[in-house]
Amino acid sequence: MKSITKIIFFILVFSLAFWLLRILDHGKLIIAELRDLGGIPWLYSAIGLIFSILAAFTIQKEWEHWNELVESIKEELDALRELWLRSQYLTKDTEGKVLECIKNYLSLIQEEWPTMEQGKRSEAGEKILDLLRNVIVRSTEETGKLSLLPLFNELIRNRNRRLYQCGSHIPYILKNTLTFAGILFIFLSLFIGVRNPWIDYIFTVSIGVLAFTIYIVIDDLDNPFRPGAWHLSPKEYQILLDGIKNDGTIK
C-alpha cells in the first residue's frame, strides 16, 4: 500500500472515530473542552514531547543508515564497472572469465533482492566471488599487473557494507516504544475538544495525520527493500548487466 493511500485510509478511520465519539458524548462526560482541561495539557504535552524526541532521534539514525546503504550500492557498482572495463586489457581467456563472474554476480543479486533485507551472505555469492578472486590473482601472477586487485578489494569492502546495512534495522524495543507513544499521542487527541466542532476536527485530524506520517517515514526508511516512499530496486544492477551483455557503453 502506497504512503498516500495509507494516509487517506487513516484519515477516514480517524474521522469516523472522531465523529462517532462526539455523537456518543451527549453528556459531555468523555471529551473535555478547553476550559475544563485543568492539568491535561501538561500531561498530553509530555506524551507529545516523548514521541517527538523518539521520532527525531530515529529519523536521524535511519536517514544516516539509508545514505550509507545507497552509497555502498553505488560504490559496489562502480567497482564492478571498473573491473569490467579494465578486464578488456587482459588476455581474452582471463577477460572472459572475469566477465562471466561479474554477470553471474549481477544476476544473483537481482534474484536475491527480495530477501536482501536479511543481510545474509549467500553460498552462491561466495562461490562467485571466490572464483573471481582466483581469476584475478592468477592474472596478476601471469602479467605482474596489480590493477584489478584494488578494485576487487573495493568490491568486497562495499559488498560487506551493503550486507551490514541491509541487515541493520531499528531495535525492536525502540520501534515498539515509538509505536506505543504514537498511538497514545493520536488516541488521546480524540478526548480533547473545543467548542466549534469543525475547528476541533481540523486540529485533531491534523495531529493524527502528522503523527501517523512520521511513523510511515520511519517504517519506510527501516525497510528500504519494501515498496514505499523510500524504495531501492535492482535497476542499476540490471543496467550494468545489460551493458556487459551488449558490450556497449554503460548508460
Protein backbone atom coordinates (compact mmCIF):
# COMPACT_ATOMS: atom_id res chain seq x y z
CA MET A 1 0.00 0.00 0.00
CA LYS A 2 1.44 3.38 -1.01
CA SER A 3 2.03 6.10 1.57
CA ILE A 4 -0.71 8.37 0.19
CA THR A 5 -3.20 5.51 0.28
CA LYS A 6 -2.23 4.71 3.87
CA ILE A 7 -2.70 8.34 4.91
CA ILE A 8 -6.10 8.59 3.19
CA PHE A 9 -7.22 5.36 4.85
CA PHE A 10 -6.02 6.66 8.21
CA ILE A 11 -7.93 9.95 7.76
CA LEU A 12 -11.15 8.04 7.01
CA VAL A 13 -10.82 5.77 10.04
CA PHE A 14 -9.72 8.62 12.32
CA SER A 15 -12.58 10.85 11.12
CA LEU A 16 -15.08 8.09 11.75
CA ALA A 17 -13.77 7.63 15.30
CA PHE A 18 -13.76 11.39 15.88
CA TRP A 19 -17.39 12.00 14.89
CA LEU A 20 -18.67 8.78 16.42
CA LEU A 21 -17.10 9.66 19.76
CA ARG A 22 -18.63 13.14 19.72
CA ILE A 23 -22.05 11.86 18.74
CA LEU A 24 -21.98 9.40 21.63
CA ASP A 25 -20.71 12.03 24.07
CA HIS A 26 -24.12 13.61 24.77
CA GLY A 27 -23.48 14.22 28.44
CA LYS A 28 -20.03 15.79 27.96
CA LEU A 29 -18.57 13.17 30.25
CA ILE A 30 -15.80 11.91 27.98
CA ILE A 31 -14.47 14.79 25.93
CA ALA A 32 -13.11 17.72 27.90
CA GLU A 33 -13.34 21.21 26.44
CA LEU A 34 -10.52 23.68 26.78
CA ARG A 35 -11.98 25.45 29.82
CA ASP A 36 -12.27 22.16 31.68
CA LEU A 37 -8.87 20.65 30.86
CA GLY A 38 -7.01 21.57 34.05
CA GLY A 39 -3.65 19.77 34.02
CA ILE A 40 -4.46 17.64 30.97
CA PRO A 41 -2.50 19.87 28.52
CA TRP A 42 0.70 19.30 30.51
CA LEU A 43 0.21 15.56 30.52
CA TYR A 44 -0.64 15.50 26.82
CA SER A 45 2.35 17.72 26.03
CA ALA A 46 4.64 15.31 27.90
CA ILE A 47 3.46 12.43 25.70
CA GLY A 48 3.92 14.58 22.60
CA LEU A 49 7.41 15.54 23.75
CA ILE A 50 8.42 11.91 24.30
CA PHE A 51 7.06 10.97 20.88
CA SER A 52 8.84 13.86 19.14
CA ILE A 53 12.20 13.08 20.77
CA LEU A 54 11.98 9.41 19.84
CA ALA A 55 10.86 10.27 16.30
CA ALA A 56 13.61 12.85 15.74
CA PHE A 57 16.34 10.52 17.02
CA THR A 58 15.06 7.57 14.97
CA ILE A 59 14.64 9.53 11.74
CA GLN A 60 18.16 10.92 12.01
CA LYS A 61 19.69 7.48 12.53
CA GLU A 62 17.59 5.87 9.81
CA TRP A 63 18.45 8.64 7.35
CA GLU A 64 22.15 8.06 8.01
CA HIS A 65 21.57 4.33 7.55
CA TRP A 66 19.75 4.98 4.26
CA ASN A 67 22.60 7.14 2.91
CA GLU A 68 25.18 4.53 3.91
CA LEU A 69 23.23 1.81 2.12
CA VAL A 70 22.81 3.86 -1.08
CA GLU A 71 26.48 4.81 -1.04
CA SER A 72 27.62 1.21 -0.60
CA ILE A 73 25.47 0.07 -3.53
CA LYS A 74 26.79 2.82 -5.80
CA GLU A 75 30.41 2.12 -4.90
CA GLU A 76 29.88 -1.62 -5.36
CA LEU A 77 28.54 -0.95 -8.85
CA ASP A 78 31.45 1.39 -9.60
CA ALA A 79 33.94 -1.33 -8.64
CA LEU A 80 32.16 -3.88 -10.84
CA ARG A 81 32.07 -1.41 -13.72
CA GLU A 82 35.80 -0.75 -13.45
CA LEU A 83 36.54 -4.46 -13.24
CA TRP A 84 34.64 -4.94 -16.47
CA LEU A 85 36.39 -2.09 -18.27
CA ARG A 86 39.90 -2.97 -17.10
CA SER A 87 39.48 -6.66 -17.83
CA GLN A 88 39.47 -5.73 -21.52
CA TYR A 89 43.23 -5.11 -21.26
CA LEU A 90 43.91 -8.67 -20.14
CA THR A 91 44.12 -11.82 -22.23
CA LYS A 92 40.92 -12.96 -23.92
CA ASP A 93 40.69 -16.03 -21.70
CA THR A 94 41.06 -14.02 -18.48
CA GLU A 95 38.69 -11.32 -19.73
CA GLY A 96 36.03 -13.93 -20.50
CA LYS A 97 36.32 -15.47 -17.03
CA VAL A 98 36.11 -12.08 -15.31
CA LEU A 99 33.08 -11.04 -17.34
CA GLU A 100 31.36 -14.35 -16.68
CA CYS A 101 31.86 -13.94 -12.92
CA ILE A 102 30.58 -10.36 -13.00
CA LYS A 103 27.48 -11.34 -15.00
CA ASN A 104 26.71 -14.22 -12.65
CA TYR A 105 27.19 -11.94 -9.64
CA LEU A 106 24.86 -9.27 -11.03
CA SER A 107 22.21 -11.85 -11.91
CA LEU A 108 22.43 -13.40 -8.45
CA ILE A 109 21.94 -10.05 -6.70
CA GLN A 110 18.73 -9.47 -8.65
CA GLU A 111 17.47 -12.94 -7.77
CA GLU A 112 18.20 -12.40 -4.07
CA TRP A 113 16.89 -8.82 -3.98
CA PRO A 114 13.51 -9.65 -2.34
CA THR A 115 15.35 -11.21 0.62
CA MET A 116 18.18 -8.66 0.69
CA GLU A 117 16.89 -7.02 3.88
CA GLN A 118 18.04 -10.05 5.87
CA GLY A 119 21.65 -9.08 5.15
CA LYS A 120 22.83 -12.69 4.94
CA ARG A 121 25.71 -13.95 2.84
CA SER A 122 24.61 -16.43 0.21
CA GLU A 123 26.61 -19.55 -0.58
CA ALA A 124 26.20 -18.92 -4.31
CA GLY A 125 27.53 -15.37 -3.96
CA GLU A 126 30.57 -16.56 -2.02
CA LYS A 127 31.39 -19.12 -4.71
CA ILE A 128 31.20 -16.50 -7.46
CA LEU A 129 33.47 -14.11 -5.55
CA ASP A 130 35.94 -16.91 -4.77
CA LEU A 131 36.11 -17.78 -8.46
CA LEU A 132 36.58 -14.12 -9.39
CA ARG A 133 39.31 -13.78 -6.76
CA ASN A 134 41.18 -16.79 -8.17
CA VAL A 135 40.97 -15.44 -11.71
CA ILE A 136 42.29 -12.02 -10.66
CA VAL A 137 45.13 -13.43 -8.55
CA ARG A 138 46.22 -15.76 -11.34
CA SER A 139 46.10 -12.97 -13.89
CA THR A 140 48.28 -10.88 -11.57
CA GLU A 141 50.83 -13.69 -11.28
CA GLU A 142 50.90 -14.10 -15.06
CA THR A 143 51.11 -10.44 -16.08
CA GLY A 144 52.58 -8.79 -12.98
CA LYS A 145 49.81 -6.17 -13.08
CA LEU A 146 48.01 -5.31 -9.85
CA SER A 147 45.32 -3.05 -11.36
CA LEU A 148 42.44 -5.44 -10.68
CA LEU A 149 43.32 -6.34 -7.08
CA PRO A 150 42.46 -2.94 -5.54
CA LEU A 151 39.18 -2.96 -7.45
CA PHE A 152 38.34 -6.42 -6.19
CA ASN A 153 39.15 -5.35 -2.62
CA GLU A 154 36.89 -2.32 -3.12
CA LEU A 155 34.13 -4.61 -4.35
CA ILE A 156 34.42 -6.85 -1.29
CA ARG A 157 34.50 -3.89 1.09
CA ASN A 158 31.36 -2.31 -0.34
CA ARG A 159 29.59 -5.62 -0.64
CA ASN A 160 30.21 -6.21 3.08
CA ARG A 161 28.97 -2.68 3.83
CA ARG A 162 25.82 -3.35 1.83
CA LEU A 163 25.14 -6.61 3.63
CA TYR A 164 25.67 -4.97 7.02
CA GLN A 165 23.38 -2.04 6.20
CA CYS A 166 20.74 -4.37 4.75
CA GLY A 167 20.59 -6.37 7.97
CA SER A 168 20.60 -3.31 10.23
CA HIS A 169 17.15 -2.33 11.50
CA ILE A 170 15.63 -0.31 14.32
CA PRO A 171 15.88 -2.23 17.63
CA TYR A 172 12.53 -3.79 18.45
CA ILE A 173 12.28 -2.12 21.85
CA LEU A 174 12.84 1.33 20.29
CA LYS A 175 10.36 0.73 17.48
CA ASN A 176 7.73 -0.67 19.86
CA THR A 177 8.20 2.27 22.23
CA LEU A 178 7.88 4.71 19.34
CA THR A 179 4.76 2.94 18.07
CA PHE A 180 3.18 2.94 21.54
CA ALA A 181 3.96 6.65 22.05
CA GLY A 182 2.49 7.46 18.63
CA ILE A 183 -0.71 5.51 19.33
CA LEU A 184 -1.13 7.28 22.67
CA PHE A 185 -0.50 10.66 21.06
CA ILE A 186 -3.12 10.01 18.36
CA PHE A 187 -5.69 8.28 20.57
CA LEU A 188 -5.65 10.84 23.39
CA SER A 189 -6.11 13.70 20.92
CA LEU A 190 -9.66 12.44 20.42
CA PHE A 191 -10.57 13.34 24.01
CA ILE A 192 -9.56 17.00 23.84
CA GLY A 193 -12.14 19.26 22.24
CA VAL A 194 -13.04 22.88 21.55
CA ARG A 195 -16.46 24.46 21.33
CA ASN A 196 -16.53 24.73 17.50
CA PRO A 197 -16.76 21.12 16.19
CA TRP A 198 -15.21 21.89 12.78
CA ILE A 199 -12.20 23.67 14.25
CA ASP A 200 -11.93 20.82 16.71
CA TYR A 201 -11.97 18.32 13.82
CA ILE A 202 -9.36 20.19 11.74
CA PHE A 203 -6.87 20.46 14.59
CA THR A 204 -7.42 16.92 15.87
CA VAL A 205 -7.14 15.24 12.49
CA SER A 206 -4.02 17.31 11.76
CA ILE A 207 -2.37 15.99 14.90
CA GLY A 208 -3.31 12.43 13.99
CA VAL A 209 -2.13 12.69 10.36
CA LEU A 210 1.16 14.29 11.38
CA ALA A 211 1.96 11.56 13.92
CA PHE A 212 0.92 8.80 11.50
CA THR A 213 3.01 10.28 8.67
CA ILE A 214 6.07 10.42 10.91
CA TYR A 215 5.62 6.74 11.67
CA ILE A 216 5.28 5.92 7.94
CA VAL A 217 8.53 7.78 7.20
CA ILE A 218 10.38 5.83 9.89
CA ASP A 219 8.90 2.50 8.79
CA ASP A 220 9.80 3.13 5.13
CA LEU A 221 13.37 4.13 5.97
CA ASP A 222 13.72 0.99 8.08
CA ASN A 223 12.54 -1.24 5.19
CA PRO A 224 14.29 0.07 2.05
CA PHE A 225 13.63 -3.08 0.01
CA ARG A 226 9.88 -2.94 0.57
CA PRO A 227 7.81 -0.74 -1.78
CA GLY A 228 7.28 2.67 -0.22
CA ALA A 229 8.33 6.30 -0.36
CA TRP A 230 12.00 5.28 0.06
CA HIS A 231 12.47 2.21 -2.04
CA LEU A 232 15.60 0.59 -3.51
CA SER A 233 15.41 -1.55 -6.62
CA PRO A 234 17.98 -3.66 -8.53
CA LYS A 235 17.58 -1.42 -11.60
CA GLU A 236 21.20 -0.19 -11.58
CA TYR A 237 22.48 -3.77 -11.40
CA GLN A 238 20.34 -4.66 -14.41
CA ILE A 239 21.64 -1.66 -16.37
CA LEU A 240 25.24 -2.75 -15.77
CA LEU A 241 24.40 -6.35 -16.68
CA ASP A 242 22.76 -5.23 -19.93
CA GLY A 243 25.82 -3.12 -20.74
CA ILE A 244 28.12 -6.11 -20.29
CA LYS A 245 25.91 -8.42 -22.34
CA ASN A 246 25.63 -5.88 -25.15
CA ASP A 247 29.32 -4.99 -24.82
CA GLY A 248 28.38 -1.36 -25.33
CA THR A 249 28.51 1.88 -23.45
CA ILE A 250 27.08 1.87 -19.95
CA LYS A 251 24.32 4.38 -19.51
